[in-house]
Amino acid sequence: MSVFFDAACRRSGIIDKTVTIVFNHDMLHGFGSVLTSAQTRIAKAVADAERRNLPLFVPELIDKLGLAAESSLTPTLKILQRKGIIEVVGGGKQRAYRLVRLTAQGRVMMGVGGLPLLGSIPAGPLKESIVQAEDFVEVNSVLKYRAGDFLLRTAGDSMTGDGIFDGDLVLLRPEVDLIPGEIAAVHAGENYESTLKHVFLEPEQVRLKAGNAAYRDIIVPRSEWRGIAGVFRGLVRNVNR
């Protein structure tokens, strides 16, 4: 069982936009396979049906695409299956009743639902992050998210004072202005080490403050600052773990 929390986001204060670095947005586009125009056309047709909560069977997909026969569709369906974008289920001997639907990865790619889980981020000292998507998570409507948002799994106890615990999935939003003191996933150093902290952008340095009094502030010189991957907007917690 999972529970969902929205961040109570403050909308006050001024930030110097010249020192806010939106980091590594390309990683959000690296988890999906590159699709050809024919593959994209099929994926969009399936996504359109799912947005309307309608089942899409193979014959209906053939008709929707204006194809002459199933033989024109099958090779591309198999490629999309291998890429992890769609799945074809059911049918048996009654092949006409095979259902085509998006996988969790496909739903994220086509903007139908779900969030990419890009890996782990330490809620402790700076540590190298994992930015390849390791999974795709379906979240319910209680957690409000936007296209481009992503999840990271926390490791450590430095943010427990803010209700963020080891193993939680934090919802992060790239390309938004950071209000001083907001929680964000940040990168620093030559190896782009990462952590989740309260962020204070100061003239000569960036101060990263934990939500646990047992941890000292991390001071990052401007020369080692690599920017913000995403600002905290909520979390998912598995209460059965």
Protein backbone atom coordinates (compact mmCIF):
# COMPACT_ATOMS: atom_id res chain seq x y z
CA MET A 1 0.00 0.00 0.00
CA SER A 2 1.28 3.47 -0.87
CA VAL A 3 0.28 6.84 0.53
CA PHE A 4 0.77 10.13 -1.32
CA PHE A 5 1.69 13.56 0.02
CA ASP A 6 1.68 16.93 -1.74
CA ALA A 7 4.35 19.41 -0.71
CA ALA A 8 3.10 22.61 0.89
CA CYS A 9 5.00 24.92 -1.44
CA ARG A 10 5.65 28.49 -0.38
CA ARG A 11 5.32 31.14 -3.07
CA SER A 12 7.15 34.08 -1.54
CA GLY A 13 10.64 35.56 -1.68
CA ILE A 14 12.94 36.57 -4.48
CA ILE A 15 15.54 34.45 -6.21
CA ASP A 16 18.40 35.56 -8.42
CA LYS A 17 17.56 33.71 -11.61
CA THR A 18 21.10 34.17 -12.89
CA VAL A 19 22.38 31.67 -10.33
CA THR A 20 19.60 29.11 -10.68
CA ILE A 21 20.91 26.32 -12.89
CA VAL A 22 18.38 23.87 -14.23
CA PHE A 23 20.50 20.75 -14.46
CA ASN A 24 20.43 17.72 -16.70
CA HIS A 25 16.93 18.04 -18.09
CA ASP A 26 17.99 15.67 -20.90
CA MET A 27 18.00 12.79 -18.44
CA LEU A 28 14.22 12.98 -18.40
CA HIS A 29 14.15 12.20 -22.09
CA GLY A 30 16.75 9.46 -22.03
CA PHE A 31 14.63 6.72 -20.50
CA GLY A 32 12.40 6.20 -23.51
CA SER A 33 13.18 4.56 -26.80
CA VAL A 34 13.32 6.69 -29.94
CA LEU A 35 10.26 5.91 -32.05
CA THR A 36 9.85 6.05 -35.79
CA SER A 37 6.91 7.92 -37.28
CA ALA A 38 4.99 4.65 -37.76
CA GLN A 39 5.66 3.55 -34.20
CA THR A 40 4.68 6.96 -32.85
CA ARG A 41 1.41 6.84 -34.80
CA ILE A 42 0.48 3.52 -33.20
CA ALA A 43 1.54 4.62 -29.72
CA LYS A 44 -0.52 7.81 -30.05
CA ALA A 45 -3.58 5.82 -31.11
CA VAL A 46 -3.24 3.56 -28.07
CA ALA A 47 -2.62 6.56 -25.80
CA ASP A 48 -5.72 8.31 -27.15
CA ALA A 49 -7.87 5.31 -26.25
CA GLU A 50 -6.38 5.11 -22.76
CA ARG A 51 -7.00 8.80 -22.12
CA ARG A 52 -10.67 8.11 -22.81
CA ASN A 53 -10.57 4.92 -20.69
CA LEU A 54 -11.55 2.82 -23.70
CA PRO A 55 -10.17 -0.66 -24.48
CA LEU A 56 -8.44 -0.89 -27.83
CA PHE A 57 -8.49 -4.25 -29.60
CA VAL A 58 -6.31 -5.11 -32.57
CA PRO A 59 -9.10 -4.86 -35.21
CA GLU A 60 -10.12 -1.44 -33.87
CA LEU A 61 -6.50 -0.28 -33.99
CA ILE A 62 -6.19 -1.45 -37.60
CA ASP A 63 -9.35 0.47 -38.50
CA LYS A 64 -8.24 3.55 -36.57
CA LEU A 65 -4.93 3.62 -38.45
CA GLY A 66 -6.58 3.01 -41.82
CA LEU A 67 -4.55 -0.14 -42.52
CA ALA A 68 -5.64 -2.81 -44.95
CA ALA A 69 -4.87 -5.86 -42.82
CA GLU A 70 -3.32 -7.07 -39.59
CA SER A 71 -0.16 -8.06 -41.47
CA SER A 72 0.54 -4.34 -41.93
CA LEU A 73 0.40 -3.78 -38.17
CA THR A 74 1.98 -6.87 -36.60
CA PRO A 75 5.68 -6.17 -37.31
CA THR A 76 5.50 -2.68 -35.78
CA LEU A 77 3.54 -3.95 -32.78
CA LYS A 78 6.28 -6.50 -32.11
CA ILE A 79 8.93 -3.78 -32.24
CA LEU A 80 6.96 -1.63 -29.80
CA GLN A 81 6.64 -4.62 -27.50
CA ARG A 82 10.39 -5.22 -27.60
CA LYS A 83 10.97 -1.55 -26.80
CA GLY A 84 8.71 -1.86 -23.77
CA ILE A 85 6.17 0.70 -25.01
CA ILE A 86 3.09 -1.49 -25.49
CA GLU A 87 1.83 -4.91 -24.55
CA VAL A 88 -0.66 -7.12 -26.37
CA VAL A 89 -2.71 -9.27 -24.02
CA GLY A 90 -5.50 -11.81 -24.27
CA GLY A 91 -6.75 -13.39 -27.44
CA GLY A 92 -5.74 -17.03 -27.34
CA LYS A 93 -7.44 -18.72 -30.28
CA GLN A 94 -9.75 -15.71 -30.59
CA ARG A 95 -7.03 -13.44 -31.96
CA ALA A 96 -9.57 -10.71 -32.72
CA TYR A 97 -9.94 -10.08 -28.99
CA ARG A 98 -6.31 -9.21 -28.36
CA LEU A 99 -6.08 -5.98 -26.37
CA VAL A 100 -3.35 -3.42 -27.08
CA ARG A 101 -2.33 -1.20 -24.20
CA LEU A 102 0.61 0.93 -23.08
CA THR A 103 3.11 -0.32 -20.54
CA ALA A 104 4.00 1.87 -17.56
CA GLN A 105 6.98 3.13 -19.57
CA GLY A 106 4.75 3.78 -22.56
CA ARG A 107 2.27 5.71 -20.43
CA VAL A 108 5.05 7.98 -19.19
CA MET A 109 6.47 8.46 -22.69
CA MET A 110 3.09 9.32 -24.18
CA GLY A 111 2.06 11.55 -21.28
CA VAL A 112 -0.90 9.40 -20.27
CA GLY A 113 0.15 8.82 -16.68
CA GLY A 114 2.84 7.51 -14.40
CA LEU A 115 6.24 8.88 -13.47
CA PRO A 116 9.78 7.73 -14.24
CA LEU A 117 11.75 6.52 -11.23
CA LEU A 118 15.24 7.68 -12.12
CA GLY A 119 17.10 6.03 -9.25
CA SER A 120 18.27 6.99 -5.79
CA ILE A 121 19.39 10.19 -4.15
CA PRO A 122 21.01 10.33 -0.72
CA ALA A 123 19.26 12.23 2.04
CA GLY A 124 22.67 12.55 3.65
CA PRO A 125 26.18 13.48 2.43
CA LEU A 126 26.71 14.20 -1.24
CA LYS A 127 26.86 11.00 -3.24
CA GLU A 128 26.81 10.04 -6.89
CA SER A 129 23.25 9.72 -8.17
CA ILE A 130 21.74 7.20 -10.55
CA VAL A 131 19.94 8.96 -13.39
CA GLN A 132 18.86 6.13 -15.67
CA ALA A 133 15.23 5.22 -15.17
CA GLU A 134 15.02 1.98 -13.21
CA ASP A 135 11.23 1.77 -13.19
CA PHE A 136 8.02 3.57 -14.03
CA VAL A 137 5.56 4.19 -11.22
CA GLU A 138 1.82 4.64 -11.54
CA VAL A 139 0.58 7.16 -8.98
CA ASN A 140 -2.98 7.94 -8.10
CA SER A 141 -4.69 11.28 -8.61
CA VAL A 142 -4.07 12.43 -5.02
CA LEU A 143 -0.47 13.28 -5.95
CA LYS A 144 -0.61 16.12 -8.45
CA TYR A 145 2.17 16.01 -11.01
CA ARG A 146 3.03 17.58 -14.34
CA ALA A 147 4.67 16.40 -17.53
CA GLY A 148 8.42 16.31 -16.93
CA ASP A 149 8.18 15.53 -13.21
CA PHE A 150 10.08 12.49 -11.99
CA LEU A 151 10.68 10.38 -8.88
CA LEU A 152 13.85 9.59 -6.97
CA ARG A 153 14.16 7.12 -4.11
CA THR A 154 15.72 8.57 -0.96
CA ALA A 155 18.48 6.86 1.00
CA GLY A 156 19.39 8.06 4.48
CA ASP A 157 17.87 9.95 7.40
CA SER A 158 19.02 13.55 7.00
CA MET A 159 15.53 14.78 5.97
CA THR A 160 13.43 13.04 8.62
CA GLY A 161 12.60 16.38 10.25
CA ASP A 162 10.70 17.23 7.07
CA GLY A 163 8.85 13.92 7.03
CA ILE A 164 11.07 12.39 4.33
CA PHE A 165 12.33 8.95 5.33
CA ASP A 166 14.69 6.36 3.95
CA GLY A 167 13.08 4.60 0.98
CA ASP A 168 10.47 7.28 0.24
CA LEU A 169 9.94 8.27 -3.40
CA VAL A 170 10.21 12.04 -3.73
CA LEU A 171 8.41 13.85 -6.53
CA LEU A 172 10.73 16.39 -8.15
CA ARG A 173 9.93 19.12 -10.65
CA PRO A 174 12.60 20.49 -13.00
CA GLU A 175 12.69 23.96 -14.52
CA VAL A 176 10.92 25.85 -11.74
CA ASP A 177 12.30 28.77 -9.73
CA LEU A 178 13.65 27.74 -6.35
CA ILE A 179 12.44 29.72 -3.35
CA PRO A 180 15.28 30.07 -0.80
CA GLY A 181 15.09 27.21 1.68
CA GLU A 182 12.98 24.91 -0.50
CA ILE A 183 13.92 21.24 -0.68
CA ALA A 184 15.55 20.18 -3.93
CA ALA A 185 17.73 17.52 -5.48
CA VAL A 186 21.02 19.17 -6.37
CA HIS A 187 24.34 18.28 -7.99
CA ALA A 188 27.84 19.42 -7.07
CA GLY A 189 31.45 18.59 -7.81
CA GLU A 190 33.26 17.21 -10.83
CA ASN A 191 31.41 13.89 -10.54
CA TYR A 192 28.00 15.56 -10.20
CA GLU A 193 27.40 14.09 -6.77
CA SER A 194 23.86 14.61 -5.54
CA THR A 195 21.82 15.05 -2.42
CA LEU A 196 18.35 16.15 -1.27
CA LYS A 197 18.43 19.19 1.00
CA HIS A 198 17.03 22.63 1.78
CA VAL A 199 18.87 24.89 -0.66
CA PHE A 200 20.12 28.42 0.00
CA LEU A 201 21.83 30.14 -2.95
CA GLU A 202 24.30 32.60 -1.45
CA PRO A 203 26.66 35.03 -3.27
CA GLU A 204 29.86 33.00 -2.89
CA GLN A 205 28.49 29.57 -2.11
CA VAL A 206 25.45 27.31 -1.89
CA ARG A 207 24.39 26.15 1.54
CA LEU A 208 22.59 22.80 1.80
CA LYS A 209 20.70 22.31 5.04
CA ALA A 210 19.42 18.98 6.32
CA GLY A 211 16.07 18.44 7.99
CA ASN A 212 17.78 16.50 10.77
CA ALA A 213 19.72 18.46 13.42
CA ALA A 214 22.31 15.67 13.62
CA TYR A 215 23.67 16.74 10.21
CA ARG A 216 25.83 19.80 9.60
CA ASP A 217 25.20 22.14 6.70
CA ILE A 218 27.01 21.27 3.48
CA ILE A 219 28.79 24.27 1.97
CA VAL A 220 29.35 24.07 -1.77
CA PRO A 221 31.66 26.67 -3.37
CA ARG A 222 30.25 28.26 -6.49
CA SER A 223 33.05 26.68 -8.52
CA GLU A 224 31.75 23.22 -7.56
CA TRP A 225 28.04 23.96 -7.91
CA ARG A 226 26.39 22.06 -10.76
CA GLY A 227 22.76 23.05 -10.25
CA ILE A 228 19.27 21.83 -9.41
CA ALA A 229 17.85 18.65 -10.89
CA GLY A 230 14.38 19.16 -9.45
CA VAL A 231 12.47 20.92 -6.68
CA PHE A 232 10.55 18.81 -4.16
CA ARG A 233 6.81 18.70 -4.76
CA GLY A 234 5.59 15.63 -2.87
CA LEU A 235 6.34 12.04 -1.97
CA VAL A 236 5.10 8.49 -2.18
CA ARG A 237 5.58 6.14 0.77
CA ASN A 238 5.00 2.42 0.84
CA VAL A 239 3.50 1.88 4.28
CA ASN A 240 3.97 -1.90 4.06
CA ARG A 241 7.75 -1.87 3.81
